[in-house]
Amino acid sequence: PFVLVVVDEVAGGEMSVSHLMAGGHRRIGYVAGPLGVGAFPDRLAGGRRALGDGASAELVVIETPRADIAAGRDAASRVLGLSAAERPTALFCGNDLIALGVLQTLFAAGVAVPGEMAIVGYGDMDLAAGAAVPLTSIRQPAARLGRAAADLVIEESGPLAAQHAHRDVVFKPELVARASSLAVRSPGS
């Protein structure tokens, strides 16, 4: 059997949508990368799980052919082309690169983030905290993932390998809330 060290991507999607719903958003867009690739479908499943049965919110899926900044720009242009009734008030993005592209397009169009559109990314890249509007993101415990994977490989291939019991390690991600998704408070509130 293979060694498996992963992040619970479903939990990350659920955290993202739950965070946006807690901020009062009821029409949320998921700007995914290609849904047949990687963790994007799991993150979508988590977003749907956050809605639960009979949820008062809606998740609109906006699939992109790539998972880069240009794809985020294109997706934001598509969102801006929707009527006010169809347009989400918040976007959960499949990764931080997509989110940064979304942020660029919204900024260029004069859309206030988070006042008119909240954004959550995924991955918590260094660029996320340093964006023009610091980006809320789902942080994956990269150092812990690497350490656990190395420990398991050593255990399974070292001198005591015959006594090693195979196990999978699943880490829970963490939501890092920043300005891009925090409710804008009016003076005196």
Protein backbone atom coordinates (compact mmCIF):
# COMPACT_ATOMS: atom_id res chain seq x y z
CA PRO A 1 0.00 0.00 0.00
CA PHE A 2 0.99 3.59 -0.63
CA VAL A 3 1.78 6.12 2.06
CA LEU A 4 -0.95 8.76 2.10
CA VAL A 5 -0.44 12.18 3.69
CA VAL A 6 -3.10 14.69 2.65
CA VAL A 7 -5.16 17.69 3.67
CA ASP A 8 -8.90 17.29 4.16
CA GLU A 9 -9.93 19.32 1.10
CA VAL A 10 -13.63 18.79 1.77
CA ALA A 11 -13.21 20.41 5.19
CA GLY A 12 -11.40 23.34 3.55
CA GLY A 13 -14.26 23.93 1.13
CA GLU A 14 -16.76 23.68 3.95
CA MET A 15 -14.80 26.20 6.06
CA SER A 16 -14.70 28.66 3.16
CA VAL A 17 -18.42 28.62 2.45
CA SER A 18 -19.34 28.57 6.15
CA HIS A 19 -17.15 31.64 6.69
CA LEU A 20 -18.85 33.51 3.85
CA MET A 21 -22.32 32.50 5.04
CA ALA A 22 -21.43 33.71 8.55
CA GLY A 23 -20.63 37.06 6.92
CA GLY A 24 -24.20 37.22 5.61
CA HIS A 25 -23.60 36.03 2.04
CA ARG A 26 -26.42 33.98 0.53
CA ARG A 27 -25.29 33.77 -3.11
CA ILE A 28 -21.74 32.44 -3.20
CA GLY A 29 -19.71 31.57 -6.27
CA TYR A 30 -17.12 28.80 -6.32
CA VAL A 31 -14.49 29.74 -8.89
CA ALA A 32 -12.97 26.31 -9.44
CA GLY A 33 -10.10 25.25 -11.55
CA PRO A 34 -10.85 22.30 -13.83
CA LEU A 35 -13.26 20.12 -11.86
CA GLY A 36 -11.74 16.93 -13.22
CA VAL A 37 -8.33 17.75 -11.73
CA GLY A 38 -6.82 17.55 -8.27
CA ALA A 39 -8.63 18.80 -5.19
CA PHE A 40 -11.09 21.15 -6.93
CA PRO A 41 -14.02 18.67 -6.81
CA ASP A 42 -13.37 17.91 -3.12
CA ARG A 43 -13.39 21.61 -2.28
CA LEU A 44 -16.70 21.93 -4.14
CA ALA A 45 -18.12 18.98 -2.16
CA GLY A 46 -17.13 20.77 1.04
CA GLY A 47 -18.78 23.98 -0.10
CA ARG A 48 -21.96 22.06 -0.82
CA ARG A 49 -21.74 20.34 2.54
CA ALA A 50 -21.61 23.75 4.26
CA LEU A 51 -24.95 24.59 2.67
CA GLY A 52 -26.55 21.53 4.21
CA ASP A 53 -30.16 20.54 3.62
CA GLY A 54 -32.58 23.40 3.15
CA ALA A 55 -29.82 25.99 3.27
CA SER A 56 -30.71 29.61 2.89
CA ALA A 57 -27.69 30.11 0.64
CA GLU A 58 -26.85 29.11 -2.92
CA LEU A 59 -23.54 27.98 -4.42
CA VAL A 60 -22.92 28.94 -8.05
CA VAL A 61 -20.09 26.99 -9.74
CA ILE A 62 -17.83 28.86 -12.18
CA GLU A 63 -15.39 26.36 -13.66
CA THR A 64 -12.17 27.57 -15.28
CA PRO A 65 -10.00 25.63 -17.74
CA ARG A 66 -6.83 26.45 -15.77
CA ALA A 67 -5.94 27.33 -12.18
CA ASP A 68 -3.90 30.49 -12.65
CA ILE A 69 -4.21 34.27 -12.34
CA ALA A 70 -5.47 34.65 -15.93
CA ALA A 71 -8.23 32.12 -15.25
CA GLY A 72 -9.25 34.14 -12.20
CA ARG A 73 -9.39 37.32 -14.28
CA ASP A 74 -11.57 35.61 -16.88
CA ALA A 75 -13.89 34.18 -14.21
CA ALA A 76 -14.29 37.59 -12.56
CA SER A 77 -15.19 39.10 -15.93
CA ARG A 78 -17.86 36.42 -16.33
CA VAL A 79 -19.21 37.18 -12.85
CA LEU A 80 -19.31 40.92 -13.60
CA GLY A 81 -21.30 40.12 -16.74
CA LEU A 82 -24.12 38.58 -14.68
CA SER A 83 -27.21 40.57 -13.81
CA ALA A 84 -27.40 41.96 -10.27
CA ALA A 85 -29.93 39.26 -9.37
CA GLU A 86 -27.63 36.46 -10.62
CA ARG A 87 -24.31 37.84 -9.38
CA PRO A 88 -22.82 36.31 -6.23
CA THR A 89 -21.87 38.64 -3.38
CA ALA A 90 -18.94 36.40 -2.43
CA LEU A 91 -16.49 34.16 -4.27
CA PHE A 92 -14.68 31.14 -2.89
CA CYS A 93 -11.76 30.39 -5.21
CA GLY A 94 -10.16 27.00 -5.82
CA ASN A 95 -6.68 28.40 -5.13
CA ASP A 96 -4.93 31.66 -4.32
CA LEU A 97 -3.77 32.29 -7.90
CA ILE A 98 -7.36 32.23 -9.13
CA ALA A 99 -8.35 34.49 -6.22
CA LEU A 100 -5.61 37.00 -7.04
CA GLY A 101 -6.79 37.16 -10.66
CA VAL A 102 -10.36 37.70 -9.43
CA LEU A 103 -9.16 40.46 -7.11
CA GLN A 104 -7.27 42.18 -9.95
CA THR A 105 -10.32 42.27 -12.21
CA LEU A 106 -12.67 43.42 -9.47
CA PHE A 107 -10.23 46.16 -8.46
CA ALA A 108 -9.88 47.32 -12.09
CA ALA A 109 -13.70 47.40 -12.42
CA GLY A 110 -14.08 49.49 -9.26
CA VAL A 111 -15.80 46.73 -7.29
CA ALA A 112 -15.15 47.18 -3.56
CA VAL A 113 -13.67 44.11 -1.88
CA PRO A 114 -15.13 43.08 0.53
CA GLY A 115 -17.88 45.74 0.47
CA GLU A 116 -19.47 44.60 -2.80
CA MET A 117 -17.77 41.22 -3.24
CA ALA A 118 -16.00 39.11 -0.62
CA ILE A 119 -13.22 36.71 -1.69
CA VAL A 120 -11.70 33.60 -0.12
CA GLY A 121 -8.70 31.85 -1.70
CA TYR A 122 -7.13 28.47 -1.01
CA GLY A 123 -3.52 27.62 -0.17
CA ASP A 124 -2.43 30.74 1.73
CA MET A 125 0.51 31.55 -0.53
CA ASP A 126 2.86 34.31 0.62
CA LEU A 127 1.24 36.59 -1.96
CA ALA A 128 -2.17 36.21 -0.28
CA ALA A 129 -1.31 38.32 2.76
CA GLY A 130 0.47 40.91 0.61
CA ALA A 131 -2.29 41.48 -1.96
CA ALA A 132 -3.77 44.97 -2.39
CA VAL A 133 -6.63 43.70 -0.25
CA PRO A 134 -5.12 40.98 1.99
CA LEU A 135 -6.70 37.72 0.92
CA THR A 136 -8.59 35.41 3.26
CA SER A 137 -7.35 31.91 2.47
CA ILE A 138 -7.37 28.31 3.57
CA ARG A 139 -3.94 27.44 4.94
CA GLN A 140 -2.55 23.97 4.41
CA PRO A 141 0.02 22.84 6.99
CA ALA A 142 2.86 22.38 4.47
CA ALA A 143 5.66 21.78 7.00
CA ARG A 144 3.58 19.25 8.93
CA LEU A 145 2.60 17.50 5.67
CA GLY A 146 6.24 17.19 4.61
CA ARG A 147 7.40 16.01 8.01
CA ALA A 148 4.64 13.38 8.25
CA ALA A 149 5.36 12.10 4.73
CA ALA A 150 9.08 11.82 5.43
CA ASP A 151 8.46 10.05 8.75
CA LEU A 152 6.13 7.53 7.09
CA VAL A 153 8.56 6.80 4.26
CA ILE A 154 11.36 6.25 6.76
CA GLU A 155 9.15 4.00 8.90
CA GLU A 156 8.01 1.95 5.90
CA SER A 157 11.46 1.52 4.37
CA GLY A 158 13.75 1.46 7.42
CA PRO A 159 15.11 -1.44 9.45
CA LEU A 160 11.82 -1.86 11.32
CA ALA A 161 9.67 -1.81 8.18
CA ALA A 162 8.30 -5.28 8.78
CA GLN A 163 6.79 -4.16 12.09
CA HIS A 164 5.40 -0.90 10.70
CA ALA A 165 1.60 -0.65 10.52
CA HIS A 166 0.52 1.28 7.42
CA ARG A 167 -1.59 4.34 8.16
CA ASP A 168 -2.90 7.35 6.34
CA VAL A 169 -2.44 10.83 7.78
CA VAL A 170 -5.07 13.49 7.07
CA PHE A 171 -4.51 17.06 8.23
CA LYS A 172 -7.22 19.63 8.77
CA PRO A 173 -6.71 22.97 7.02
CA GLU A 174 -7.15 26.33 8.73
CA LEU A 175 -9.07 29.41 7.62
CA VAL A 176 -6.93 32.57 7.80
CA ALA A 177 -9.37 35.49 7.79
CA ARG A 178 -8.10 38.72 6.25
CA ALA A 179 -9.65 41.86 4.81
CA SER A 180 -10.96 40.31 1.56
CA SER A 181 -13.84 38.57 3.31
CA LEU A 182 -14.41 40.51 6.48
CA ALA A 183 -17.63 42.46 6.78
CA VAL A 184 -17.22 46.18 6.23
CA ARG A 185 -18.53 48.02 9.26
CA SER A 186 -20.15 51.39 8.87
CA PRO A 187 -19.00 54.15 11.25
CA GLY A 188 -20.69 53.84 14.62
CA SER A 189 -21.74 50.19 14.18
